[in-house]
PDB file of N, CA and C in Angstrom:
ATOM      1  N   MET A   1      -3.522  16.876  15.504  1.00  0.00           N
ATOM      2  CA  MET A   1      -2.121  16.248  15.131  1.00  0.00           C
ATOM      3  C   MET A   1      -3.167  14.607  15.343  1.00  0.00           C
ATOM      4  N   ALA A   2      -1.671  13.557  14.187  1.00  0.00           N
ATOM      5  CA  ALA A   2      -2.194  12.417  15.200  1.00  0.00           C
ATOM      6  C   ALA A   2      -2.015  11.251  15.154  1.00  0.00           C
ATOM      7  N   LYS A   3      -2.975  10.429  15.289  1.00  0.00           N
ATOM      8  CA  LYS A   3      -2.462   9.952  16.939  1.00  0.00           C
ATOM      9  C   LYS A   3      -1.043   8.624  16.371  1.00  0.00           C
ATOM     10  N   ALA A   4      -0.561   8.294  17.097  1.00  0.00           N
ATOM     11  CA  ALA A   4       0.640   7.663  16.510  1.00  0.00           C
ATOM     12  C   ALA A   4       0.389   5.953  16.665  1.00  0.00           C
ATOM     13  N   LYS A   5       0.380   5.020  15.630  1.00  0.00           N
ATOM     14  CA  LYS A   5       0.273   4.074  15.113  1.00  0.00           C
ATOM     15  C   LYS A   5       1.245   3.053  16.532  1.00  0.00           C
ATOM     16  N   THR A   6       0.288   2.236  17.265  1.00  0.00           N
ATOM     17  CA  THR A   6       1.212   1.428  17.959  1.00  0.00           C
ATOM     18  C   THR A   6       0.116  -0.087  17.360  1.00  0.00           C
ATOM     19  N   ARG A   7       1.442  -1.161  17.551  1.00  0.00           N
ATOM     20  CA  ARG A   7       1.053  -2.982  17.924  1.00  0.00           C
ATOM     21  C   ARG A   7       1.426  -3.289  18.510  1.00  0.00           C
ATOM     22  N   TYR A   8       0.628  -4.025  19.414  1.00  0.00           N
ATOM     23  CA  TYR A   8       1.138  -5.129  19.917  1.00  0.00           C
ATOM     24  C   TYR A   8       1.825  -6.427  19.844  1.00  0.00           C
ATOM     25  N   VAL A   9       3.872  -6.618  20.783  1.00  0.00           N
ATOM     26  CA  VAL A   9       4.834  -7.749  20.356  1.00  0.00           C
ATOM     27  C   VAL A   9       4.371  -8.703  21.654  1.00  0.00           C
ATOM     28  N   CYS A  10       4.126 -10.083  21.076  1.00  0.00           N
ATOM     29  CA  CYS A  10       4.741 -11.142  22.474  1.00  0.00           C
ATOM     30  C   CYS A  10       5.877 -10.658  23.401  1.00  0.00           C
ATOM     31  N   SER A  11       6.105 -10.933  24.476  1.00  0.00           N
ATOM     32  CA  SER A  11       7.384 -10.275  24.323  1.00  0.00           C
ATOM     33  C   SER A  11       8.064 -12.484  25.167  1.00  0.00           C
ATOM     34  N   ASN A  12       7.532 -13.216  24.315  1.00  0.00           N
ATOM     35  CA  ASN A  12       8.316 -14.215  24.786  1.00  0.00           C
ATOM     36  C   ASN A  12       8.191 -14.846  22.968  1.00  0.00           C
ATOM     37  N   CYS A  13       7.621 -15.246  22.278  1.00  0.00           N
ATOM     38  CA  CYS A  13       8.616 -15.253  21.368  1.00  0.00           C
ATOM     39  C   CYS A  13       8.437 -14.099  19.730  1.00  0.00           C
ATOM     40  N   GLY A  14       8.329 -12.660  20.361  1.00  0.00           N
ATOM     41  CA  GLY A  14       8.024 -11.699  19.237  1.00  0.00           C
ATOM     42  C   GLY A  14       6.956 -11.087  18.485  1.00  0.00           C
ATOM     43  N   SER A  15       6.225 -12.625  17.967  1.00  0.00           N
ATOM     44  CA  SER A  15       5.095 -11.877  17.714  1.00  0.00           C
ATOM     45  C   SER A  15       4.772 -10.683  17.710  1.00  0.00           C
ATOM     46  N   PHE A  16       3.593 -10.322  16.640  1.00  0.00           N
ATOM     47  CA  PHE A  16       2.716  -8.939  16.851  1.00  0.00           C
ATOM     48  C   PHE A  16       1.795  -9.374  16.106  1.00  0.00           C
ATOM     49  N   SER A  17       1.020  -8.202  16.639  1.00  0.00           N
ATOM     50  CA  SER A  17      -0.916  -8.413  16.421  1.00  0.00           C
ATOM     51  C   SER A  17      -0.628  -6.549  16.410  1.00  0.00           C
ATOM     52  N   ALA A  18      -2.284  -6.643  15.426  1.00  0.00           N
ATOM     53  CA  ALA A  18      -2.497  -4.677  15.904  1.00  0.00           C
ATOM     54  C   ALA A  18      -3.085  -4.409  16.833  1.00  0.00           C
ATOM     55  N   LYS A  19      -4.079  -5.925  17.513  1.00  0.00           N
ATOM     56  CA  LYS A  19      -5.072  -5.129  18.788  1.00  0.00           C
ATOM     57  C   LYS A  19      -4.215  -6.453  19.910  1.00  0.00           C
ATOM     58  N   TRP A  20      -4.004  -6.262  20.881  1.00  0.00           N
ATOM     59  CA  TRP A  20      -4.111  -6.698  22.633  1.00  0.00           C
ATOM     60  C   TRP A  20      -4.248  -8.339  22.094  1.00  0.00           C
ATOM     61  N   GLN A  21      -4.091  -9.377  22.746  1.00  0.00           N
ATOM     62  CA  GLN A  21      -5.101 -10.055  22.879  1.00  0.00           C
ATOM     63  C   GLN A  21      -4.104 -10.819  24.281  1.00  0.00           C
ATOM     64  N   GLY A  22      -5.185 -11.579  24.771  1.00  0.00           N
ATOM     65  CA  GLY A  22      -4.815 -12.335  26.062  1.00  0.00           C
ATOM     66  C   GLY A  22      -3.594 -13.470  26.039  1.00  0.00           C
ATOM     67  N   LYS A  23      -3.368 -13.910  24.807  1.00  0.00           N
ATOM     68  CA  LYS A  23      -3.144 -15.205  24.645  1.00  0.00           C
ATOM     69  C   LYS A  23      -2.933 -15.386  23.623  1.00  0.00           C
ATOM     70  N   CYS A  24      -0.785 -15.497  22.747  1.00  0.00           N
ATOM     71  CA  CYS A  24      -0.505 -15.010  21.694  1.00  0.00           C
ATOM     72  C   CYS A  24      -0.877 -17.110  20.852  1.00  0.00           C
ATOM     73  N   SER A  25      -1.596 -16.476  19.771  1.00  0.00           N
ATOM     74  CA  SER A  25      -1.558 -17.479  19.200  1.00  0.00           C
ATOM     75  C   SER A  25      -0.381 -18.533  18.459  1.00  0.00           C
ATOM     76  N   ASP A  26       1.295 -17.737  19.161  1.00  0.00           N
ATOM     77  CA  ASP A  26       2.053 -18.418  17.795  1.00  0.00           C
ATOM     78  C   ASP A  26       2.259 -19.188  19.487  1.00  0.00           C
ATOM     79  N   CYS A  27       3.122 -18.699  19.993  1.00  0.00           N
ATOM     80  CA  CYS A  27       3.523 -19.278  21.456  1.00  0.00           C
ATOM     81  C   CYS A  27       2.279 -19.898  22.243  1.00  0.00           C
ATOM     82  N   GLY A  28       1.228 -19.232  22.757  1.00  0.00           N
ATOM     83  CA  GLY A  28       0.817 -19.901  23.481  1.00  0.00           C
ATOM     84  C   GLY A  28       0.510 -19.219  24.931  1.00  0.00           C
ATOM     85  N   ALA A  29       1.311 -18.081  25.002  1.00  0.00           N
ATOM     86  CA  ALA A  29       1.758 -18.003  26.513  1.00  0.00           C
ATOM     87  C   ALA A  29       0.895 -16.421  26.349  1.00  0.00           C
ATOM     88  N   TRP A  30       0.290 -16.300  28.045  1.00  0.00           N
ATOM     89  CA  TRP A  30      -0.477 -16.032  28.439  1.00  0.00           C
ATOM     90  C   TRP A  30      -0.377 -14.741  28.537  1.00  0.00           C
ATOM     91  N   ASN A  31      -1.028 -13.069  28.361  1.00  0.00           N
ATOM     92  CA  ASN A  31      -0.696 -11.948  29.447  1.00  0.00           C
ATOM     93  C   ASN A  31       0.711 -11.666  28.491  1.00  0.00           C
ATOM     94  N   SER A  32       0.737 -12.167  27.712  1.00  0.00           N
ATOM     95  CA  SER A  32       2.448 -11.537  27.152  1.00  0.00           C
ATOM     96  C   SER A  32       2.509 -10.562  26.381  1.00  0.00           C
ATOM     97  N   PHE A  33       1.577  -9.589  25.211  1.00  0.00           N
ATOM     98  CA  PHE A  33       1.700  -9.588  25.365  1.00  0.00           C
ATOM     99  C   PHE A  33       2.140  -7.393  25.502  1.00  0.00           C
ATOM    100  N   VAL A  34       2.553  -7.089  24.613  1.00  0.00           N
ATOM    101  CA  VAL A  34       3.252  -5.516  24.960  1.00  0.00           C
ATOM    102  C   VAL A  34       2.873  -4.370  23.999  1.00  0.00           C
ATOM    103  N   GLU A  35       2.357  -2.843  24.028  1.00  0.00           N
ATOM    104  CA  GLU A  35       2.326  -2.321  23.406  1.00  0.00           C
ATOM    105  C   GLU A  35       4.166  -1.600  22.817  1.00  0.00           C
ATOM    106  N   GLU A  36       4.374  -1.510  21.805  1.00  0.00           N
ATOM    107  CA  GLU A  36       4.601  -0.336  21.225  1.00  0.00           C
ATOM    108  C   GLU A  36       4.747   0.162  19.812  1.00  0.00           C
ATOM    109  N   VAL A  37       5.359   1.318  20.259  1.00  0.00           N
ATOM    110  CA  VAL A  37       4.804   2.771  19.186  1.00  0.00           C
ATOM    111  C   VAL A  37       5.810   2.516  17.929  1.00  0.00           C
ATOM    112  N   VAL A  38       4.655   2.229  17.120  1.00  0.00           N
ATOM    113  CA  VAL A  38       6.006   1.797  15.150  1.00  0.00           C
ATOM    114  C   VAL A  38       5.290   2.663  14.296  1.00  0.00           C
ATOM    115  N   GLU A  39       5.203   4.024  15.495  1.00  0.00           N
ATOM    116  CA  GLU A  39       5.495   5.060  13.740  1.00  0.00           C
ATOM    117  C   GLU A  39       5.439   7.177  15.085  1.00  0.00           C
ATOM    118  N   ALA A  40       6.239   7.070  15.263  1.00  0.00           N
ATOM    119  CA  ALA A  40       5.778   8.588  15.854  1.00  0.00           C
ATOM    120  C   ALA A  40       4.844   9.461  15.614  1.00  0.00           C
ATOM    121  N   LYS A  41       4.613  10.733  15.931  1.00  0.00           N
ATOM    122  CA  LYS A  41       3.595  11.548  16.114  1.00  0.00           C
ATOM    123  C   LYS A  41       4.175  12.007  15.297  1.00  0.00           C
ATOM    124  N   SER A  42       3.245  12.422  13.721  1.00  0.00           N
ATOM    125  CA  SER A  42       3.502  13.384  12.606  1.00  0.00           C
ATOM    126  C   SER A  42       2.994  14.797  13.389  1.00  0.00           C
ATOM    127  N   THR A  43       4.127  16.111  12.648  1.00  0.00           N
ATOM    128  CA  THR A  43       4.115  16.898  12.640  1.00  0.00           C
ATOM    129  C   THR A  43       3.431  18.166  11.136  1.00  0.00           C
ATOM    130  N   SER A  44       3.118  17.958  11.756  1.00  0.00           N
ATOM    131  CA  SER A  44       1.552  19.276  10.242  1.00  0.00           C
ATOM    132  C   SER A  44       2.107  20.265  10.063  1.00  0.00           C
ATOM    133  N   PHE A  45       2.017  21.273   9.032  1.00  0.00           N
ATOM    134  CA  PHE A  45       2.688  22.547   8.634  1.00  0.00           C
ATOM    135  C   PHE A  45       1.835  23.028   7.559  1.00  0.00           C
ATOM    136  N   GLY A  46       0.815  24.406   7.587  1.00  0.00           N
ATOM    137  CA  GLY A  46      -0.442  24.645   7.256  1.00  0.00           C
ATOM    138  C   GLY A  46      -1.681  24.005   6.811  1.00  0.00           C
ATOM    139  N   GLY A  47      -1.790  22.549   7.017  1.00  0.00           N
ATOM    140  CA  GLY A  47      -2.885  22.304   8.033  1.00  0.00           C
ATOM    141  C   GLY A  47      -3.287  21.454   6.937  1.00  0.00           C
ATOM    142  N   SER A  48      -2.516  21.771   6.097  1.00  0.00           N
ATOM    143  CA  SER A  48      -2.281  20.404   4.792  1.00  0.00           C
ATOM    144  C   SER A  48      -2.330  19.099   5.294  1.00  0.00           C
ATOM    145  N   GLY A  49      -1.694  18.930   6.560  1.00  0.00           N
ATOM    146  CA  GLY A  49      -1.588  17.390   7.101  1.00  0.00           C
ATOM    147  C   GLY A  49      -0.825  16.764   6.291  1.00  0.00           C
ATOM    148  N   ILE A  50      -0.006  17.081   5.254  1.00  0.00           N
ATOM    149  CA  ILE A  50       0.990  16.719   5.157  1.00  0.00           C
ATOM    150  C   ILE A  50       2.265  16.794   5.361  1.00  0.00           C
ATOM    151  N   ALA A  51       3.315  16.017   6.405  1.00  0.00           N
ATOM    152  CA  ALA A  51       4.427  16.344   7.019  1.00  0.00           C
ATOM    153  C   ALA A  51       6.146  16.120   6.250  1.00  0.00           C
ATOM    154  N   HIS A  52       6.094  16.857   6.383  1.00  0.00           N
ATOM    155  CA  HIS A  52       7.627  16.585   5.197  1.00  0.00           C
ATOM    156  C   HIS A  52       8.486  16.057   4.114  1.00  0.00           C
ATOM    157  N   TYR A  53       6.756  16.041   2.632  1.00  0.00           N
ATOM    158  CA  TYR A  53       6.570  15.539   1.478  1.00  0.00           C
ATOM    159  C   TYR A  53       7.494  15.721   0.676  1.00  0.00           C
ATOM    160  N   GLN A  54       8.830  13.795   0.743  1.00  0.00           N
ATOM    161  CA  GLN A  54       9.498  14.294  -0.293  1.00  0.00           C
ATOM    162  C   GLN A  54       9.355  13.982  -1.618  1.00  0.00           C
ATOM    163  N   PRO A  55       8.775  14.368  -2.759  1.00  0.00           N
ATOM    164  CA  PRO A  55       9.023  13.154  -3.340  1.00  0.00           C
ATOM    165  C   PRO A  55      10.396  12.183  -4.076  1.00  0.00           C
ATOM    166  N   THR A  56       9.811  11.329  -4.695  1.00  0.00           N
ATOM    167  CA  THR A  56      10.344   9.777  -5.455  1.00  0.00           C
ATOM    168  C   THR A  56      10.948  10.041  -6.590  1.00  0.00           C
ATOM    169  N   ALA A  57      10.508  10.766  -7.140  1.00  0.00           N
ATOM    170  CA  ALA A  57      11.200  10.856  -8.617  1.00  0.00           C
ATOM    171  C   ALA A  57      10.595  12.233  -9.257  1.00  0.00           C
ATOM    172  N   SER A  58      11.264  12.569 -10.026  1.00  0.00           N
ATOM    173  CA  SER A  58      10.355  14.078 -10.629  1.00  0.00           C
ATOM    174  C   SER A  58      10.470  13.893 -12.073  1.00  0.00           C
ATOM    175  N   PRO A  59       9.478  14.835 -12.063  1.00  0.00           N
ATOM    176  CA  PRO A  59       9.159  15.076 -13.684  1.00  0.00           C
ATOM    177  C   PRO A  59       9.766  14.816 -14.627  1.00  0.00           C
ATOM    178  N   ILE A  60       9.130  14.877 -15.995  1.00  0.00           N
ATOM    179  CA  ILE A  60       9.446  14.526 -17.096  1.00  0.00           C
ATOM    180  C   ILE A  60       8.560  15.354 -17.913  1.00  0.00           C
ATOM    181  N   SER A  61       9.330  15.012 -19.009  1.00  0.00           N
ATOM    182  CA  SER A  61       8.254  16.014 -20.528  1.00  0.00           C
ATOM    183  C   SER A  61       7.384  14.963 -20.735  1.00  0.00           C
ATOM    184  N   MET A  62       6.133  15.292 -21.186  1.00  0.00           N
ATOM    185  CA  MET A  62       5.862  13.967 -22.126  1.00  0.00           C
ATOM    186  C   MET A  62       5.930  13.521 -23.391  1.00  0.00           C
ATOM    187  N   SER A  63       6.684  14.924 -24.053  1.00  0.00           N
ATOM    188  CA  SER A  63       7.867  14.172 -25.662  1.00  0.00           C
ATOM    189  C   SER A  63       8.606  12.943 -24.667  1.00  0.00           C
ATOM    190  N   ASP A  64       9.222  13.359 -23.411  1.00  0.00           N
ATOM    191  CA  ASP A  64       9.789  11.945 -23.345  1.00  0.00           C
ATOM    192  C   ASP A  64       9.608  10.239 -22.938  1.00  0.00           C
ATOM    193  N   VAL A  65       8.089  10.852 -23.138  1.00  0.00           N
ATOM    194  CA  VAL A  65       7.343   9.277 -22.364  1.00  0.00           C
ATOM    195  C   VAL A  65       7.177   8.152 -23.939  1.00  0.00           C
ATOM    196  N   LYS A  66       7.917   7.522 -23.227  1.00  0.00           N
ATOM    197  CA  LYS A  66       7.782   6.135 -24.683  1.00  0.00           C
ATOM    198  C   LYS A  66       7.067   5.210 -24.384  1.00  0.00           C
ATOM    199  N   GLY A  67       5.765   5.093 -25.200  1.00  0.00           N
ATOM    200  CA  GLY A  67       4.975   3.585 -25.166  1.00  0.00           C
ATOM    201  C   GLY A  67       5.481   2.803 -26.050  1.00  0.00           C
ATOM    202  N   VAL A  68       4.463   1.639 -25.621  1.00  0.00           N
ATOM    203  CA  VAL A  68       5.177   0.208 -26.085  1.00  0.00           C
ATOM    204  C   VAL A  68       4.027  -0.681 -26.740  1.00  0.00           C
ATOM    205  N   GLU A  69       4.531  -0.722 -27.849  1.00  0.00           N
ATOM    206  CA  GLU A  69       3.011  -1.320 -28.268  1.00  0.00           C
ATOM    207  C   GLU A  69       3.017  -3.017 -28.240  1.00  0.00           C
ATOM    208  N   THR A  70       1.962  -3.484 -28.281  1.00  0.00           N
ATOM    209  CA  THR A  70       2.206  -4.894 -27.725  1.00  0.00           C
ATOM    210  C   THR A  70       1.107  -5.044 -29.085  1.00  0.00           C
ATOM    211  N   ILE A  71       0.417  -6.444 -29.330  1.00  0.00           N
ATOM    212  CA  ILE A  71      -0.474  -7.235 -29.920  1.00  0.00           C
ATOM    213  C   ILE A  71      -1.404  -7.011 -29.428  1.00  0.00           C
ATOM    214  N   ARG A  72      -2.501  -7.118 -30.092  1.00  0.00           N
ATOM    215  CA  ARG A  72      -4.019  -6.795 -29.017  1.00  0.00           C
ATOM    216  C   ARG A  72      -4.768  -7.828 -29.943  1.00  0.00           C
ATOM    217  N   PHE A  73      -5.625  -8.598 -28.882  1.00  0.00           N
ATOM    218  CA  PHE A  73      -7.220  -9.186 -29.863  1.00  0.00           C
ATOM    219  C   PHE A  73      -7.626  -8.284 -29.909  1.00  0.00           C
ATOM    220  N   HIS A  74      -8.694  -8.692 -30.804  1.00  0.00           N
ATOM    221  CA  HIS A  74     -10.072  -7.535 -30.728  1.00  0.00           C
ATOM    222  C   HIS A  74     -11.661  -9.257 -30.005  1.00  0.00           C
ATOM    223  N   THR A  75     -12.053  -8.520 -29.609  1.00  0.00           N
ATOM    224  CA  THR A  75     -12.907  -9.350 -28.591  1.00  0.00           C
ATOM    225  C   THR A  75     -14.338  -9.391 -29.463  1.00  0.00           C
ATOM    226  N   GLY A  76     -14.205  -8.378 -30.802  1.00  0.00           N
ATOM    227  CA  GLY A  76     -15.980  -8.430 -31.402  1.00  0.00           C
ATOM    228  C   GLY A  76     -16.669  -7.875 -31.238  1.00  0.00           C
ATOM    229  N   ILE A  77     -16.796  -6.819 -29.960  1.00  0.00           N
ATOM    230  CA  ILE A  77     -17.704  -5.768 -29.614  1.00  0.00           C
ATOM    231  C   ILE A  77     -16.650  -5.007 -29.447  1.00  0.00           C
ATOM    232  N   ASP A  78     -17.345  -3.729 -29.924  1.00  0.00           N
ATOM    233  CA  ASP A  78     -16.678  -2.984 -30.123  1.00  0.00           C
ATOM    234  C   ASP A  78     -16.416  -1.545 -29.438  1.00  0.00           C
ATOM    235  N   GLU A  79     -17.131  -1.649 -27.838  1.00  0.00           N
ATOM    236  CA  GLU A  79     -17.523  -0.598 -26.738  1.00  0.00           C
ATOM    237  C   GLU A  79     -16.221  -1.196 -26.643  1.00  0.00           C
ATOM    238  N   LEU A  80     -15.944  -2.252 -26.034  1.00  0.00           N
ATOM    239  CA  LEU A  80     -15.220  -3.161 -25.242  1.00  0.00           C
ATOM    240  C   LEU A  80     -13.799  -2.365 -25.716  1.00  0.00           C
ATOM    241  N   ASP A  81     -13.024  -2.939 -27.180  1.00  0.00           N
ATOM    242  CA  ASP A  81     -12.117  -2.735 -27.381  1.00  0.00           C
ATOM    243  C   ASP A  81     -11.849  -1.624 -27.417  1.00  0.00           C
ATOM    244  N   LEU A  82     -12.595  -0.730 -27.475  1.00  0.00           N
ATOM    245  CA  LEU A  82     -12.587   1.174 -27.907  1.00  0.00           C
ATOM    246  C   LEU A  82     -11.699   0.912 -26.338  1.00  0.00           C
ATOM    247  N   VAL A  83     -12.320   0.572 -24.766  1.00  0.00           N
ATOM    248  CA  VAL A  83     -11.922   1.119 -23.453  1.00  0.00           C
ATOM    249  C   VAL A  83     -10.856  -0.101 -23.211  1.00  0.00           C
ATOM    250  N   LEU A  84     -10.506  -0.430 -24.116  1.00  0.00           N
ATOM    251  CA  LEU A  84      -9.133  -1.671 -23.586  1.00  0.00           C
ATOM    252  C   LEU A  84      -8.522  -1.112 -24.355  1.00  0.00           C
ATOM    253  N   GLY A  85      -8.268  -0.229 -25.457  1.00  0.00           N
ATOM    254  CA  GLY A  85      -7.216   0.346 -26.333  1.00  0.00           C
ATOM    255  C   GLY A  85      -7.138  -0.062 -27.004  1.00  0.00           C
ATOM    256  N   GLY A  86      -7.680  -1.551 -27.904  1.00  0.00           N
ATOM    257  CA  GLY A  86      -7.887  -1.438 -29.278  1.00  0.00           C
ATOM    258  C   GLY A  86      -8.355  -2.985 -29.174  1.00  0.00           C
ATOM    259  N   GLY A  87      -8.121  -3.705 -27.981  1.00  0.00           N
ATOM    260  CA  GLY A  87      -8.718  -5.142 -28.082  1.00  0.00           C
ATOM    261  C   GLY A  87      -8.206  -5.379 -26.522  1.00  0.00           C
ATOM    262  N   LEU A  88      -7.605  -6.998 -25.708  1.00  0.00           N
ATOM    263  CA  LEU A  88      -7.318  -7.789 -24.945  1.00  0.00           C
ATOM    264  C   LEU A  88      -5.802  -8.022 -25.610  1.00  0.00           C
ATOM    265  N   VAL A  89      -4.831  -7.685 -24.918  1.00  0.00           N
ATOM    266  CA  VAL A  89      -3.846  -8.072 -24.744  1.00  0.00           C
ATOM    267  C   VAL A  89      -3.169  -9.491 -23.955  1.00  0.00           C
ATOM    268  N   LYS A  90      -2.816 -10.009 -24.416  1.00  0.00           N
ATOM    269  CA  LYS A  90      -2.139 -11.738 -24.305  1.00  0.00           C
ATOM    270  C   LYS A  90      -1.620 -11.937 -22.905  1.00  0.00           C
ATOM    271  N   GLY A  91      -1.837 -12.256 -21.614  1.00  0.00           N
ATOM    272  CA  GLY A  91      -1.845 -12.515 -20.432  1.00  0.00           C
ATOM    273  C   GLY A  91      -2.467 -11.500 -19.459  1.00  0.00           C
ATOM    274  N   SER A  92      -2.924 -10.445 -19.718  1.00  0.00           N
ATOM    275  CA  SER A  92      -3.228  -9.828 -19.614  1.00  0.00           C
ATOM    276  C   SER A  92      -4.656  -9.928 -18.424  1.00  0.00           C
ATOM    277  N   VAL A  93      -4.750  -9.250 -17.723  1.00  0.00           N
ATOM    278  CA  VAL A  93      -6.493 -10.120 -16.378  1.00  0.00           C
ATOM    279  C   VAL A  93      -7.414  -8.304 -17.028  1.00  0.00           C
ATOM    280  N   VAL A  94      -7.889  -9.230 -17.046  1.00  0.00           N
ATOM    281  CA  VAL A  94      -9.852  -7.842 -16.726  1.00  0.00           C
ATOM    282  C   VAL A  94     -10.263  -7.862 -16.316  1.00  0.00           C
TER     283      VAL A  94
END
């Protein structure tokens, strides 16, 4: 059974933190943090640990996938160009 996730909310200004703090770093109030449950405990089925998984997208056929051709600049290092799919793409970060 999964542990419920909690956070601590300042009752004075509404600031929140992952851990309890004695003094709010935003408003300076002392002992104003109150524990709040963020996510209720999930019930898993079949021992898989995944509770009520619902996919957000449906699968499509590989023949329906469209590729985008971009201009690539060769680095002069054959192995690096091979790993990068033919060279560097302008504006990309590697």
